[in-house]
Amino acid sequence: MELPILAASLALSVALFAAGLIVGFQNFSFLGSAAGDTPQPGWDFGSILARNFGAACLLFAGVLSGGTITLITLPMIGLYVGATAQVGVTVAGAPALLGAVAWYVPFEFAGCLMAAAAGLYPVLASLRKRRPQASLVGTYTASFTGALVLFAAGAVLILLGAGIETFVISTSGRSS
């Protein structure tokens, strides 16, 4: 795995997520008035892991689409997270929200951002093609190993975050 490509893919992932997060946090009214009528998700380990790992897989799918899926879904996930954070701040207040999520959110966010970086890694590796004899497709496919390593590291963080979130929820009395 090449460090400059890793750094570029992580930086792009953070920028896209942050853009969505900021827009979502500032404009959460798109959730609509029916948002309170929707079924609440489960808060057990399996449900938490399925949601977060599902998002990570969607972000990683950029390796199959030249990065397109990642470039589209990452800001949308950021938008959702920002809107959800704004609702939490409005309902509970920023200190209470931060106190509730500070133990696990860093792991979940880092895991998803690593999955997104993995989804962008082959594209950026191809753009930085160094060997003149290597084809664009050859460089793209050769970078899959680095993308998989990055995705695996993100998956471990997501697994850890889901475990911590389950523990925090079970000890706080919040349930589905």
Protein backbone atom coordinates (compact mmCIF):
# COMPACT_ATOMS: atom_id res chain seq x y z
CA MET A 1 0.00 0.00 0.00
CA GLU A 2 1.41 3.37 -0.96
CA LEU A 3 1.27 6.04 1.73
CA PRO A 4 0.59 9.03 -0.58
CA ILE A 5 -2.35 7.23 -2.17
CA LEU A 6 -3.64 6.16 1.24
CA ALA A 7 -3.36 9.74 2.52
CA ALA A 8 -5.13 11.13 -0.56
CA SER A 9 -7.97 8.60 -0.38
CA LEU A 10 -8.46 9.24 3.35
CA ALA A 11 -8.37 13.01 2.86
CA LEU A 12 -10.93 12.85 0.05
CA SER A 13 -13.14 10.56 2.15
CA VAL A 14 -13.00 12.88 5.15
CA ALA A 15 -13.76 15.91 2.96
CA LEU A 16 -16.79 14.28 1.31
CA PHE A 17 -18.14 12.98 4.61
CA ALA A 18 -17.58 16.33 6.33
CA ALA A 19 -19.37 18.18 3.53
CA GLY A 20 -22.39 15.93 3.87
CA LEU A 21 -22.27 16.09 7.66
CA ILE A 22 -22.19 19.90 7.72
CA VAL A 23 -25.04 20.22 5.24
CA GLY A 24 -27.08 17.61 7.11
CA PHE A 25 -26.43 19.24 10.47
CA GLN A 26 -27.44 22.67 9.19
CA ASN A 27 -30.50 21.50 7.26
CA PHE A 28 -32.07 18.58 9.08
CA SER A 29 -35.64 19.48 8.12
CA PHE A 30 -35.47 17.11 5.13
CA LEU A 31 -36.23 14.29 7.57
CA GLY A 32 -39.83 15.47 7.47
CA SER A 33 -42.51 15.37 10.10
CA ALA A 34 -43.11 11.65 9.56
CA ALA A 35 -39.62 10.83 10.84
CA GLY A 36 -41.05 10.17 14.30
CA ASP A 37 -43.52 7.69 12.82
CA THR A 38 -40.88 5.40 11.33
CA PRO A 39 -40.01 2.16 13.08
CA GLN A 40 -37.05 2.49 15.41
CA PRO A 41 -34.02 0.37 14.56
CA GLY A 42 -32.86 -2.39 16.87
CA TRP A 43 -30.03 -1.57 19.24
CA ASP A 44 -28.61 -5.04 19.75
CA PHE A 45 -25.11 -5.97 18.57
CA GLY A 46 -26.29 -7.67 15.38
CA SER A 47 -28.49 -4.75 14.30
CA ILE A 48 -25.81 -2.16 15.01
CA LEU A 49 -23.15 -4.20 13.22
CA ALA A 50 -25.43 -4.85 10.23
CA ARG A 51 -26.20 -1.14 9.78
CA ASN A 52 -22.60 0.03 10.11
CA PHE A 53 -21.01 -2.82 8.17
CA GLY A 54 -23.67 -2.45 5.47
CA ALA A 55 -22.73 1.21 5.10
CA ALA A 56 -19.04 0.27 4.98
CA CYS A 57 -19.68 -2.30 2.25
CA LEU A 58 -21.59 0.27 0.23
CA LEU A 59 -18.68 2.69 0.59
CA PHE A 60 -16.19 -0.03 -0.38
CA ALA A 61 -18.25 -0.82 -3.50
CA GLY A 62 -16.44 2.03 -5.19
CA VAL A 63 -13.68 -0.46 -6.05
CA LEU A 64 -16.15 -2.07 -8.47
CA SER A 65 -17.39 1.17 -10.00
CA GLY A 66 -14.28 3.27 -10.46
CA GLY A 67 -15.03 5.04 -7.19
CA THR A 68 -18.45 6.27 -8.34
CA ILE A 69 -20.50 4.47 -5.69
CA THR A 70 -18.22 5.78 -2.94
CA LEU A 71 -18.27 9.33 -4.31
CA ILE A 72 -22.07 9.33 -4.35
CA THR A 73 -22.86 7.51 -1.11
CA LEU A 74 -20.25 9.03 1.21
CA PRO A 75 -21.72 12.56 1.22
CA MET A 76 -25.20 11.04 1.54
CA ILE A 77 -24.14 9.07 4.62
CA GLY A 78 -22.55 12.25 5.98
CA LEU A 79 -25.82 14.08 5.32
CA TYR A 80 -27.75 11.46 7.28
CA VAL A 81 -25.26 11.49 10.16
CA GLY A 82 -25.31 15.29 10.29
CA ALA A 83 -29.10 15.42 10.32
CA THR A 84 -29.25 12.74 13.00
CA ALA A 85 -26.68 14.62 15.09
CA GLN A 86 -28.71 17.81 14.78
CA VAL A 87 -31.83 16.01 15.98
CA GLY A 88 -29.83 14.61 18.92
CA VAL A 89 -28.46 18.04 19.79
CA THR A 90 -31.95 19.55 19.56
CA VAL A 91 -33.54 16.87 21.72
CA ALA A 92 -30.83 16.12 24.29
CA GLY A 93 -28.29 18.91 23.96
CA ALA A 94 -24.72 18.73 22.68
CA PRO A 95 -23.06 17.68 25.96
CA ALA A 96 -25.52 14.83 26.53
CA LEU A 97 -25.23 13.64 22.94
CA LEU A 98 -21.46 13.75 23.03
CA GLY A 99 -21.40 11.93 26.35
CA ALA A 100 -23.64 9.21 24.93
CA VAL A 101 -21.69 8.53 21.73
CA ALA A 102 -18.10 9.51 22.47
CA TRP A 103 -17.03 5.97 23.36
CA TYR A 104 -17.99 4.31 20.08
CA VAL A 105 -18.55 6.88 17.33
CA PRO A 106 -14.83 7.46 16.69
CA PHE A 107 -14.40 3.75 15.90
CA GLU A 108 -17.48 3.61 13.68
CA PHE A 109 -16.61 6.80 11.80
CA ALA A 110 -12.98 5.78 11.35
CA GLY A 111 -14.08 2.35 10.11
CA CYS A 112 -16.49 3.80 7.57
CA LEU A 113 -13.98 6.40 6.43
CA MET A 114 -11.40 3.65 5.94
CA ALA A 115 -13.94 1.67 3.90
CA ALA A 116 -14.58 4.75 1.78
CA ALA A 117 -10.86 5.34 1.34
CA ALA A 118 -10.57 1.71 0.25
CA GLY A 119 -13.33 2.31 -2.28
CA LEU A 120 -11.36 5.22 -3.74
CA TYR A 121 -7.88 3.71 -3.41
CA PRO A 122 -7.73 1.91 -6.81
CA VAL A 123 -8.86 5.01 -8.69
CA LEU A 124 -6.26 7.20 -7.03
CA ALA A 125 -3.60 4.52 -7.53
CA SER A 126 -4.45 4.43 -11.24
CA LEU A 127 -4.27 8.20 -11.50
CA ARG A 128 -0.81 8.11 -9.95
CA LYS A 129 0.42 5.36 -12.25
CA ARG A 130 4.21 5.46 -11.99
CA ARG A 131 5.42 2.71 -14.32
CA PRO A 132 4.99 3.61 -17.98
CA GLN A 133 4.73 -0.08 -18.97
CA ALA A 134 1.79 -0.70 -16.59
CA SER A 135 -1.68 -0.32 -18.04
CA LEU A 136 -4.35 1.70 -16.29
CA VAL A 137 -6.45 -1.44 -15.74
CA GLY A 138 -3.38 -3.35 -14.51
CA THR A 139 -2.57 -0.64 -12.00
CA TYR A 140 -6.22 -0.50 -10.92
CA THR A 141 -6.47 -4.25 -10.29
CA ALA A 142 -3.03 -4.42 -8.67
CA SER A 143 -4.22 -1.90 -6.08
CA PHE A 144 -7.08 -4.17 -4.94
CA THR A 145 -4.83 -5.76 -2.33
CA GLY A 146 -4.17 -2.40 -0.69
CA ALA A 147 -7.88 -1.59 -0.85
CA LEU A 148 -8.78 -4.89 0.80
CA VAL A 149 -6.26 -4.35 3.60
CA LEU A 150 -7.70 -0.89 4.21
CA PHE A 151 -11.26 -2.23 4.16
CA ALA A 152 -10.35 -5.04 6.58
CA ALA A 153 -8.86 -2.53 9.01
CA GLY A 154 -12.04 -0.47 8.75
CA ALA A 155 -14.17 -3.57 9.33
CA VAL A 156 -12.25 -4.33 12.53
CA LEU A 157 -12.91 -0.79 13.78
CA ILE A 158 -16.61 -1.12 12.93
CA LEU A 159 -16.79 -4.43 14.78
CA LEU A 160 -15.11 -2.86 17.79
CA GLY A 161 -17.41 0.18 17.63
CA ALA A 162 -20.51 -2.04 17.47
CA GLY A 163 -19.35 -3.94 20.53
CA ILE A 164 -18.69 -0.76 22.48
CA GLU A 165 -22.00 0.77 21.36
CA THR A 166 -23.87 -2.36 22.46
CA PHE A 167 -22.18 -2.22 25.85
CA VAL A 168 -22.89 1.50 26.28
CA ILE A 169 -26.54 1.04 25.34
CA SER A 170 -27.00 -1.99 27.57
CA THR A 171 -25.54 -0.19 30.57
CA SER A 172 -27.50 3.02 29.94
CA GLY A 173 -30.91 1.38 29.88
CA ARG A 174 -31.73 2.44 26.29
CA SER A 175 -33.32 -0.36 24.27
CA SER A 176 -35.27 -0.94 21.08
